[in-house]
């Protein structure tokens, strides 16, 4: 369980970081600069995380479940804020 927990945390955090790049909150690792927000791409990442949450329901340890729940909440809130052109909630 320990090894799989580390892998799933890595996947979830990687997806969340990718969403932050698509929101324009974090620099693109390939270029080192912040790009324009791509809300369609951010939305797709949120959908992937939601699918991962659904598919792993009942198979995660408590900490993993909390991580996925919290990140999905934050990313969904960020998406709504981005649509309203509000201040970023993710600060690098």
PDB file of N, CA and C in Angstrom:
ATOM      1  N   UNK A   1       0.799  -1.203   0.000  1.00  0.00           N
ATOM      2  CA  UNK A   1       0.000   0.000   0.000  1.00  0.00           C
ATOM      3  C   UNK A   1       0.842   1.268   0.000  1.00  0.00           C
ATOM      4  N   UNK A   2       2.018   1.231   0.669  1.00  0.00           N
ATOM      5  CA  UNK A   2       2.842   2.432   0.764  1.00  0.00           C
ATOM      6  C   UNK A   2       3.328   2.891  -0.603  1.00  0.00           C
ATOM      7  N   UNK A   3       3.838   1.963  -1.415  1.00  0.00           N
ATOM      8  CA  UNK A   3       4.340   2.342  -2.740  1.00  0.00           C
ATOM      9  C   UNK A   3       3.222   2.876  -3.615  1.00  0.00           C
ATOM     10  N   UNK A   4       2.062   2.239  -3.604  1.00  0.00           N
ATOM     11  CA  UNK A   4       0.958   2.709  -4.434  1.00  0.00           C
ATOM     12  C   UNK A   4       0.452   4.064  -3.953  1.00  0.00           C
ATOM     13  N   UNK A   5       0.511   4.316  -2.640  1.00  0.00           N
ATOM     14  CA  UNK A   5       0.086   5.609  -2.113  1.00  0.00           C
ATOM     15  C   UNK A   5       0.990   6.717  -2.636  1.00  0.00           C
ATOM     16  N   UNK A   6       2.285   6.458  -2.676  1.00  0.00           N
ATOM     17  CA  UNK A   6       3.211   7.477  -3.188  1.00  0.00           C
ATOM     18  C   UNK A   6       2.949   7.741  -4.656  1.00  0.00           C
ATOM     19  N   UNK A   7       2.697   6.722  -5.425  1.00  0.00           N
ATOM     20  CA  UNK A   7       2.453   6.897  -6.857  1.00  0.00           C
ATOM     21  C   UNK A   7       1.180   7.691  -7.086  1.00  0.00           C
ATOM     22  N   UNK A   8       0.110   7.345  -6.380  1.00  0.00           N
ATOM     23  CA  UNK A   8      -1.147   8.043  -6.612  1.00  0.00           C
ATOM     24  C   UNK A   8      -1.054   9.503  -6.172  1.00  0.00           C
ATOM     25  N   UNK A   9      -0.341   9.796  -5.091  1.00  0.00           N
ATOM     26  CA  UNK A   9      -0.134  11.196  -4.693  1.00  0.00           C
ATOM     27  C   UNK A   9       0.609  11.943  -5.777  1.00  0.00           C
ATOM     28  N   UNK A  10       1.628  11.312  -6.337  1.00  0.00           N
ATOM     29  CA  UNK A  10       2.410  11.949  -7.392  1.00  0.00           C
ATOM     30  C   UNK A  10       1.522  12.264  -8.594  1.00  0.00           C
ATOM     31  N   UNK A  11       0.687  11.323  -8.982  1.00  0.00           N
ATOM     32  CA  UNK A  11      -0.195  11.532 -10.133  1.00  0.00           C
ATOM     33  C   UNK A  11      -1.155  12.687  -9.864  1.00  0.00           C
ATOM     34  N   UNK A  12      -1.776  12.686  -8.702  1.00  0.00           N
ATOM     35  CA  UNK A  12      -2.746  13.729  -8.360  1.00  0.00           C
ATOM     36  C   UNK A  12      -2.068  15.099  -8.314  1.00  0.00           C
ATOM     37  N   UNK A  13      -0.924  15.186  -7.677  1.00  0.00           N
ATOM     38  CA  UNK A  13      -0.214  16.467  -7.595  1.00  0.00           C
ATOM     39  C   UNK A  13       0.287  16.925  -8.956  1.00  0.00           C
ATOM     40  N   UNK A  14       0.693  15.988  -9.782  1.00  0.00           N
ATOM     41  CA  UNK A  14       1.122  16.330 -11.137  1.00  0.00           C
ATOM     42  C   UNK A  14      -0.039  16.909 -11.953  1.00  0.00           C
ATOM     43  N   UNK A  15      -1.196  16.293 -11.849  1.00  0.00           N
ATOM     44  CA  UNK A  15      -2.374  16.805 -12.552  1.00  0.00           C
ATOM     45  C   UNK A  15      -2.768  18.188 -12.030  1.00  0.00           C
ATOM     46  N   UNK A  16      -2.715  18.376 -10.711  1.00  0.00           N
ATOM     47  CA  UNK A  16      -3.060  19.678 -10.137  1.00  0.00           C
ATOM     48  C   UNK A  16      -2.076  20.756 -10.599  1.00  0.00           C
ATOM     49  N   UNK A  17      -0.810  20.413 -10.668  1.00  0.00           N
ATOM     50  CA  UNK A  17       0.190  21.371 -11.155  1.00  0.00           C
ATOM     51  C   UNK A  17      -0.048  21.710 -12.615  1.00  0.00           C
ATOM     52  N   UNK A  18      -0.412  20.715 -13.398  1.00  0.00           N
ATOM     53  CA  UNK A  18      -0.713  20.952 -14.807  1.00  0.00           C
ATOM     54  C   UNK A  18      -1.917  21.886 -14.943  1.00  0.00           C
ATOM     55  N   UNK A  19      -2.917  21.694 -14.109  1.00  0.00           N
ATOM     56  CA  UNK A  19      -4.077  22.592 -14.132  1.00  0.00           C
ATOM     57  C   UNK A  19      -3.648  24.016 -13.783  1.00  0.00           C
ATOM     58  N   UNK A  20      -2.772  24.168 -12.790  1.00  0.00           N
ATOM     59  CA  UNK A  20      -2.295  25.499 -12.411  1.00  0.00           C
ATOM     60  C   UNK A  20      -1.554  26.167 -13.558  1.00  0.00           C
ATOM     61  N   UNK A  21      -0.809  25.400 -14.336  1.00  0.00           N
ATOM     62  CA  UNK A  21      -0.141  25.943 -15.520  1.00  0.00           C
ATOM     63  C   UNK A  21      -1.195  26.406 -16.523  1.00  0.00           C
ATOM     64  N   UNK A  22      -2.240  25.604 -16.733  1.00  0.00           N
ATOM     65  CA  UNK A  22      -3.289  25.978 -17.682  1.00  0.00           C
ATOM     66  C   UNK A  22      -4.087  27.194 -17.213  1.00  0.00           C
ATOM     67  N   UNK A  23      -4.180  27.395 -15.894  1.00  0.00           N
ATOM     68  CA  UNK A  23      -4.818  28.602 -15.383  1.00  0.00           C
ATOM     69  C   UNK A  23      -3.920  29.822 -15.555  1.00  0.00           C
ATOM     70  N   UNK A  24      -2.646  29.595 -15.840  1.00  0.00           N
ATOM     71  CA  UNK A  24      -1.693  30.694 -15.942  1.00  0.00           C
ATOM     72  C   UNK A  24      -1.134  31.087 -14.581  1.00  0.00           C
ATOM     73  N   UNK A  25      -1.343  30.245 -13.573  1.00  0.00           N
ATOM     74  CA  UNK A  25      -0.888  30.541 -12.217  1.00  0.00           C
ATOM     75  C   UNK A  25       0.570  30.136 -11.983  1.00  0.00           C
ATOM     76  N   UNK A  26       1.009  29.123 -12.679  1.00  0.00           N
ATOM     77  CA  UNK A  26       2.387  28.639 -12.557  1.00  0.00           C
ATOM     78  C   UNK A  26       3.058  28.714 -13.921  1.00  0.00           C
ATOM     79  N   UNK A  27       4.371  28.910 -13.944  1.00  0.00           N
ATOM     80  CA  UNK A  27       5.070  28.926 -15.231  1.00  0.00           C
ATOM     81  C   UNK A  27       5.068  27.546 -15.884  1.00  0.00           C
ATOM     82  N   UNK A  28       5.056  27.548 -17.189  1.00  0.00           N
ATOM     83  CA  UNK A  28       5.157  26.315 -17.954  1.00  0.00           C
ATOM     84  C   UNK A  28       6.553  25.740 -17.741  1.00  0.00           C
ATOM     85  N   UNK A  29       6.669  24.488 -17.309  1.00  0.00           N
ATOM     86  CA  UNK A  29       7.994  23.913 -17.058  1.00  0.00           C
ATOM     87  C   UNK A  29       8.872  23.865 -18.307  1.00  0.00           C
ATOM     88  N   UNK A  30       8.259  23.788 -19.463  1.00  0.00           N
ATOM     89  CA  UNK A  30       9.035  23.709 -20.701  1.00  0.00           C
ATOM     90  C   UNK A  30       9.648  25.059 -21.080  1.00  0.00           C
ATOM     91  N   UNK A  31       8.936  26.159 -20.793  1.00  0.00           N
ATOM     92  CA  UNK A  31       9.415  27.478 -21.198  1.00  0.00           C
ATOM     93  C   UNK A  31       9.900  28.321 -20.041  1.00  0.00           C
ATOM     94  N   UNK A  32       9.415  28.009 -18.828  1.00  0.00           N
ATOM     95  CA  UNK A  32       9.776  28.798 -17.661  1.00  0.00           C
ATOM     96  C   UNK A  32       8.981  30.081 -17.517  1.00  0.00           C
ATOM     97  N   UNK A  33       8.047  30.317 -18.422  1.00  0.00           N
ATOM     98  CA  UNK A  33       7.244  31.540 -18.330  1.00  0.00           C
ATOM     99  C   UNK A  33       5.762  31.204 -18.219  1.00  0.00           C
ATOM    100  N   UNK A  34       5.031  32.126 -17.626  1.00  0.00           N
ATOM    101  CA  UNK A  34       3.590  31.948 -17.496  1.00  0.00           C
ATOM    102  C   UNK A  34       2.939  32.282 -18.836  1.00  0.00           C
ATOM    103  N   UNK A  35       2.052  31.412 -19.245  1.00  0.00           N
ATOM    104  CA  UNK A  35       1.364  31.641 -20.509  1.00  0.00           C
ATOM    105  C   UNK A  35      -0.036  32.171 -20.282  1.00  0.00           C
ATOM    106  N   UNK A  36      -0.749  32.299 -21.361  1.00  0.00           N
ATOM    107  CA  UNK A  36      -2.146  32.700 -21.289  1.00  0.00           C
ATOM    108  C   UNK A  36      -2.946  31.573 -20.654  1.00  0.00           C
ATOM    109  N   UNK A  37      -3.984  31.937 -19.952  1.00  0.00           N
ATOM    110  CA  UNK A  37      -4.855  30.926 -19.358  1.00  0.00           C
ATOM    111  C   UNK A  37      -5.567  30.147 -20.454  1.00  0.00           C
ATOM    112  N   UNK A  38      -5.645  28.844 -20.283  1.00  0.00           N
ATOM    113  CA  UNK A  38      -6.376  27.964 -21.194  1.00  0.00           C
ATOM    114  C   UNK A  38      -7.401  27.221 -20.350  1.00  0.00           C
ATOM    115  N   UNK A  39      -8.577  27.834 -20.203  1.00  0.00           N
ATOM    116  CA  UNK A  39      -9.593  27.276 -19.317  1.00  0.00           C
ATOM    117  C   UNK A  39     -10.142  25.952 -19.823  1.00  0.00           C
ATOM    118  N   UNK A  40     -10.156  25.742 -21.137  1.00  0.00           N
ATOM    119  CA  UNK A  40     -10.611  24.448 -21.660  1.00  0.00           C
ATOM    120  C   UNK A  40      -9.667  23.331 -21.208  1.00  0.00           C
ATOM    121  N   UNK A  41      -8.374  23.587 -21.300  1.00  0.00           N
ATOM    122  CA  UNK A  41      -7.395  22.576 -20.870  1.00  0.00           C
ATOM    123  C   UNK A  41      -7.470  22.360 -19.358  1.00  0.00           C
ATOM    124  N   UNK A  42      -7.631  23.437 -18.595  1.00  0.00           N
ATOM    125  CA  UNK A  42      -7.758  23.307 -17.140  1.00  0.00           C
ATOM    126  C   UNK A  42      -8.995  22.499 -16.790  1.00  0.00           C
ATOM    127  N   UNK A  43     -10.078  22.736 -17.507  1.00  0.00           N
ATOM    128  CA  UNK A  43     -11.317  22.002 -17.273  1.00  0.00           C
ATOM    129  C   UNK A  43     -11.141  20.510 -17.545  1.00  0.00           C
ATOM    130  N   UNK A  44     -10.403  20.174 -18.586  1.00  0.00           N
ATOM    131  CA  UNK A  44     -10.161  18.762 -18.897  1.00  0.00           C
ATOM    132  C   UNK A  44      -9.337  18.087 -17.803  1.00  0.00           C
ATOM    133  N   UNK A  45      -8.376  18.797 -17.246  1.00  0.00           N
ATOM    134  CA  UNK A  45      -7.578  18.242 -16.150  1.00  0.00           C
ATOM    135  C   UNK A  45      -8.467  18.003 -14.929  1.00  0.00           C
ATOM    136  N   UNK A  46      -9.360  18.938 -14.648  1.00  0.00           N
ATOM    137  CA  UNK A  46     -10.290  18.778 -13.527  1.00  0.00           C
ATOM    138  C   UNK A  46     -11.177  17.554 -13.770  1.00  0.00           C
ATOM    139  N   UNK A  47     -11.617  17.370 -14.998  1.00  0.00           N
ATOM    140  CA  UNK A  47     -12.431  16.192 -15.325  1.00  0.00           C
ATOM    141  C   UNK A  47     -11.650  14.899 -15.132  1.00  0.00           C
ATOM    142  N   UNK A  48     -10.374  14.897 -15.486  1.00  0.00           N
ATOM    143  CA  UNK A  48      -9.535  13.708 -15.292  1.00  0.00           C
ATOM    144  C   UNK A  48      -9.398  13.403 -13.801  1.00  0.00           C
ATOM    145  N   UNK A  49      -9.164  14.440 -12.996  1.00  0.00           N
ATOM    146  CA  UNK A  49      -9.077  14.231 -11.547  1.00  0.00           C
ATOM    147  C   UNK A  49     -10.391  13.715 -10.972  1.00  0.00           C
ATOM    148  N   UNK A  50     -11.514  14.238 -11.459  1.00  0.00           N
ATOM    149  CA  UNK A  50     -12.821  13.773 -10.990  1.00  0.00           C
ATOM    150  C   UNK A  50     -13.041  12.311 -11.379  1.00  0.00           C
ATOM    151  N   UNK A  51     -12.612  11.935 -12.594  1.00  0.00           N
ATOM    152  CA  UNK A  51     -12.725  10.547 -13.023  1.00  0.00           C
ATOM    153  C   UNK A  51     -11.847   9.650 -12.158  1.00  0.00           C
ATOM    154  N   UNK A  52     -10.627  10.113 -11.879  1.00  0.00           N
ATOM    155  CA  UNK A  52      -9.716   9.363 -11.017  1.00  0.00           C
ATOM    156  C   UNK A  52     -10.325   9.183  -9.624  1.00  0.00           C
ATOM    157  N   UNK A  53     -10.950  10.221  -9.113  1.00  0.00           N
ATOM    158  CA  UNK A  53     -11.619  10.147  -7.819  1.00  0.00           C
ATOM    159  C   UNK A  53     -12.718   9.087  -7.841  1.00  0.00           C
ATOM    160  N   UNK A  54     -13.510   9.095  -8.893  1.00  0.00           N
ATOM    161  CA  UNK A  54     -14.623   8.143  -9.002  1.00  0.00           C
ATOM    162  C   UNK A  54     -14.108   6.712  -9.145  1.00  0.00           C
ATOM    163  N   UNK A  55     -13.102   6.517  -9.971  1.00  0.00           N
ATOM    164  CA  UNK A  55     -12.590   5.172 -10.243  1.00  0.00           C
ATOM    165  C   UNK A  55     -11.826   4.568  -9.054  1.00  0.00           C
ATOM    166  N   UNK A  56     -11.294   5.423  -8.181  1.00  0.00           N
ATOM    167  CA  UNK A  56     -10.514   4.908  -7.051  1.00  0.00           C
ATOM    168  C   UNK A  56     -11.306   4.936  -5.745  1.00  0.00           C
ATOM    169  N   UNK A  57     -12.573   5.299  -5.818  1.00  0.00           N
ATOM    170  CA  UNK A  57     -13.403   5.394  -4.604  1.00  0.00           C
ATOM    171  C   UNK A  57     -13.382   4.062  -3.850  1.00  0.00           C
ATOM    172  N   UNK A  58     -13.074   4.146  -2.563  1.00  0.00           N
ATOM    173  CA  UNK A  58     -13.006   2.965  -1.727  1.00  0.00           C
ATOM    174  C   UNK A  58     -11.655   2.269  -1.749  1.00  0.00           C
ATOM    175  N   UNK A  59     -10.746   2.706  -2.609  1.00  0.00           N
ATOM    176  CA  UNK A  59      -9.429   2.069  -2.715  1.00  0.00           C
ATOM    177  C   UNK A  59      -8.287   2.972  -2.251  1.00  0.00           C
ATOM    178  N   UNK A  60      -8.607   4.161  -1.800  1.00  0.00           N
ATOM    179  CA  UNK A  60      -7.572   5.094  -1.357  1.00  0.00           C
ATOM    180  C   UNK A  60      -7.487   5.097   0.164  1.00  0.00           C
ATOM    181  N   UNK A  61      -6.281   5.395   0.637  1.00  0.00           N
ATOM    182  CA  UNK A  61      -6.156   5.606   2.075  1.00  0.00           C
ATOM    183  C   UNK A  61      -6.736   6.986   2.391  1.00  0.00           C
ATOM    184  N   UNK A  62      -7.030   7.227   3.646  1.00  0.00           N
ATOM    185  CA  UNK A  62      -7.707   8.467   4.068  1.00  0.00           C
ATOM    186  C   UNK A  62      -6.989   9.723   3.567  1.00  0.00           C
ATOM    187  N   UNK A  63      -5.671   9.749   3.669  1.00  0.00           N
ATOM    188  CA  UNK A  63      -4.893  10.920   3.253  1.00  0.00           C
ATOM    189  C   UNK A  63      -5.014  11.168   1.752  1.00  0.00           C
ATOM    190  N   UNK A  64      -5.004  10.093   0.968  1.00  0.00           N
ATOM    191  CA  UNK A  64      -5.141  10.237  -0.486  1.00  0.00           C
ATOM    192  C   UNK A  64      -6.527  10.761  -0.841  1.00  0.00           C
ATOM    193  N   UNK A  65      -7.525  10.203  -0.191  1.00  0.00           N
ATOM    194  CA  UNK A  65      -8.894  10.640  -0.446  1.00  0.00           C
ATOM    195  C   UNK A  65      -9.052  12.126  -0.123  1.00  0.00           C
ATOM    196  N   UNK A  66      -8.497  12.544   0.990  1.00  0.00           N
ATOM    197  CA  UNK A  66      -8.563  13.957   1.390  1.00  0.00           C
ATOM    198  C   UNK A  66      -7.820  14.837   0.381  1.00  0.00           C
ATOM    199  N   UNK A  67      -6.659  14.374  -0.074  1.00  0.00           N
ATOM    200  CA  UNK A  67      -5.876  15.124  -1.054  1.00  0.00           C
ATOM    201  C   UNK A  67      -6.681  15.346  -2.330  1.00  0.00           C
ATOM    202  N   UNK A  68      -7.275  14.288  -2.852  1.00  0.00           N
ATOM    203  CA  UNK A  68      -8.054  14.393  -4.090  1.00  0.00           C
ATOM    204  C   UNK A  68      -9.265  15.306  -3.875  1.00  0.00           C
ATOM    205  N   UNK A  69      -9.977  15.109  -2.786  1.00  0.00           N
ATOM    206  CA  UNK A  69     -11.152  15.944  -2.487  1.00  0.00           C
ATOM    207  C   UNK A  69     -10.771  17.419  -2.389  1.00  0.00           C
ATOM    208  N   UNK A  70      -9.716  17.697  -1.635  1.00  0.00           N
ATOM    209  CA  UNK A  70      -9.294  19.091  -1.436  1.00  0.00           C
ATOM    210  C   UNK A  70      -8.823  19.733  -2.733  1.00  0.00           C
ATOM    211  N   UNK A  71      -8.036  19.000  -3.502  1.00  0.00           N
ATOM    212  CA  UNK A  71      -7.541  19.560  -4.765  1.00  0.00           C
ATOM    213  C   UNK A  71      -8.679  19.800  -5.751  1.00  0.00           C
ATOM    214  N   UNK A  72      -9.605  18.868  -5.833  1.00  0.00           N
ATOM    215  CA  UNK A  72     -10.744  19.076  -6.725  1.00  0.00           C
ATOM    216  C   UNK A  72     -11.562  20.295  -6.303  1.00  0.00           C
ATOM    217  N   UNK A  73     -11.766  20.451  -5.006  1.00  0.00           N
ATOM    218  CA  UNK A  73     -12.500  21.620  -4.523  1.00  0.00           C
ATOM    219  C   UNK A  73     -11.770  22.909  -4.928  1.00  0.00           C
ATOM    220  N   UNK A  74     -10.468  22.962  -4.657  1.00  0.00           N
ATOM    221  CA  UNK A  74      -9.680  24.159  -4.967  1.00  0.00           C
ATOM    222  C   UNK A  74      -9.640  24.439  -6.470  1.00  0.00           C
ATOM    223  N   UNK A  75      -9.462  23.395  -7.269  1.00  0.00           N
ATOM    224  CA  UNK A  75      -9.389  23.590  -8.712  1.00  0.00           C
ATOM    225  C   UNK A  75     -10.735  24.013  -9.299  1.00  0.00           C
ATOM    226  N   UNK A  76     -11.808  23.454  -8.789  1.00  0.00           N
ATOM    227  CA  UNK A  76     -13.136  23.869  -9.262  1.00  0.00           C
ATOM    228  C   UNK A  76     -13.417  25.320  -8.878  1.00  0.00           C
ATOM    229  N   UNK A  77     -13.039  25.696  -7.674  1.00  0.00           N
ATOM    230  CA  UNK A  77     -13.192  27.080  -7.246  1.00  0.00           C
ATOM    231  C   UNK A  77     -12.346  27.995  -8.125  1.00  0.00           C
ATOM    232  N   UNK A  78     -11.133  27.588  -8.404  1.00  0.00           N
ATOM    233  CA  UNK A  78     -10.232  28.378  -9.265  1.00  0.00           C
ATOM    234  C   UNK A  78     -10.824  28.528 -10.655  1.00  0.00           C
ATOM    235  N   UNK A  79     -11.442  27.483 -11.164  1.00  0.00           N
ATOM    236  CA  UNK A  79     -12.060  27.540 -12.490  1.00  0.00           C
ATOM    237  C   UNK A  79     -13.181  28.584 -12.512  1.00  0.00           C
ATOM    238  N   UNK A  80     -14.021  28.571 -11.500  1.00  0.00           N
ATOM    239  CA  UNK A  80     -15.111  29.557 -11.419  1.00  0.00           C
ATOM    240  C   UNK A  80     -14.523  30.967 -11.335  1.00  0.00           C
ATOM    241  N   UNK A  81     -13.504  31.136 -10.514  1.00  0.00           N
ATOM    242  CA  UNK A  81     -12.869  32.448 -10.375  1.00  0.00           C
ATOM    243  C   UNK A  81     -12.230  32.897 -11.686  1.00  0.00           C
ATOM    244  N   UNK A  82     -11.621  31.966 -12.391  1.00  0.00           N
ATOM    245  CA  UNK A  82     -10.987  32.309 -13.669  1.00  0.00           C
ATOM    246  C   UNK A  82     -12.031  32.757 -14.689  1.00  0.00           C
ATOM    247  N   UNK A  83     -13.185  32.118 -14.667  1.00  0.00           N
ATOM    248  CA  UNK A  83     -14.257  32.524 -15.576  1.00  0.00           C
ATOM    249  C   UNK A  83     -14.753  33.923 -15.238  1.00  0.00           C
ATOM    250  N   UNK A  84     -14.664  34.291 -13.967  1.00  0.00           N
ATOM    251  CA  UNK A  84     -15.097  35.616 -13.537  1.00  0.00           C
ATOM    252  C   UNK A  84     -13.939  36.607 -13.537  1.00  0.00           C
ATOM    253  N   UNK A  85     -12.764  36.136 -13.946  1.00  0.00           N
ATOM    254  CA  UNK A  85     -11.551  36.955 -14.005  1.00  0.00           C
ATOM    255  C   UNK A  85     -11.183  37.525 -12.644  1.00  0.00           C
ATOM    256  N   UNK A  86     -11.353  36.701 -11.582  1.00  0.00           N
ATOM    257  CA  UNK A  86     -11.008  37.121 -10.222  1.00  0.00           C
ATOM    258  C   UNK A  86      -9.546  36.820  -9.932  1.00  0.00           C
ATOM    259  N   UNK A  87      -9.123  37.256  -8.744  1.00  0.00           N
ATOM    260  CA  UNK A  87      -7.759  37.029  -8.280  1.00  0.00           C
ATOM    261  C   UNK A  87      -7.462  35.531  -8.186  1.00  0.00           C
ATOM    262  N   UNK A  88      -6.246  35.203  -8.465  1.00  0.00           N
ATOM    263  CA  UNK A  88      -5.807  33.804  -8.391  1.00  0.00           C
ATOM    264  C   UNK A  88      -5.769  33.331  -6.961  1.00  0.00           C
ATOM    265  N   UNK A  89      -6.172  32.047  -6.770  1.00  0.00           N
ATOM    266  CA  UNK A  89      -6.081  31.460  -5.440  1.00  0.00           C
ATOM    267  C   UNK A  89      -4.796  30.651  -5.280  1.00  0.00           C
ATOM    268  N   UNK A  90      -4.148  30.332  -6.395  1.00  0.00           N
ATOM    269  CA  UNK A  90      -2.905  29.570  -6.354  1.00  0.00           C
ATOM    270  C   UNK A  90      -1.764  30.554  -6.598  1.00  0.00           C
ATOM    271  N   UNK A  91      -0.958  30.735  -5.595  1.00  0.00           N
ATOM    272  CA  UNK A  91       0.184  31.635  -5.708  1.00  0.00           C
ATOM    273  C   UNK A  91       1.474  30.827  -5.649  1.00  0.00           C
ATOM    274  N   UNK A  92       2.306  30.944  -6.664  1.00  0.00           N
ATOM    275  CA  UNK A  92       3.562  30.168  -6.654  1.00  0.00           C
ATOM    276  C   UNK A  92       4.518  30.620  -5.563  1.00  0.00           C
TER     277      UNK A  92
END
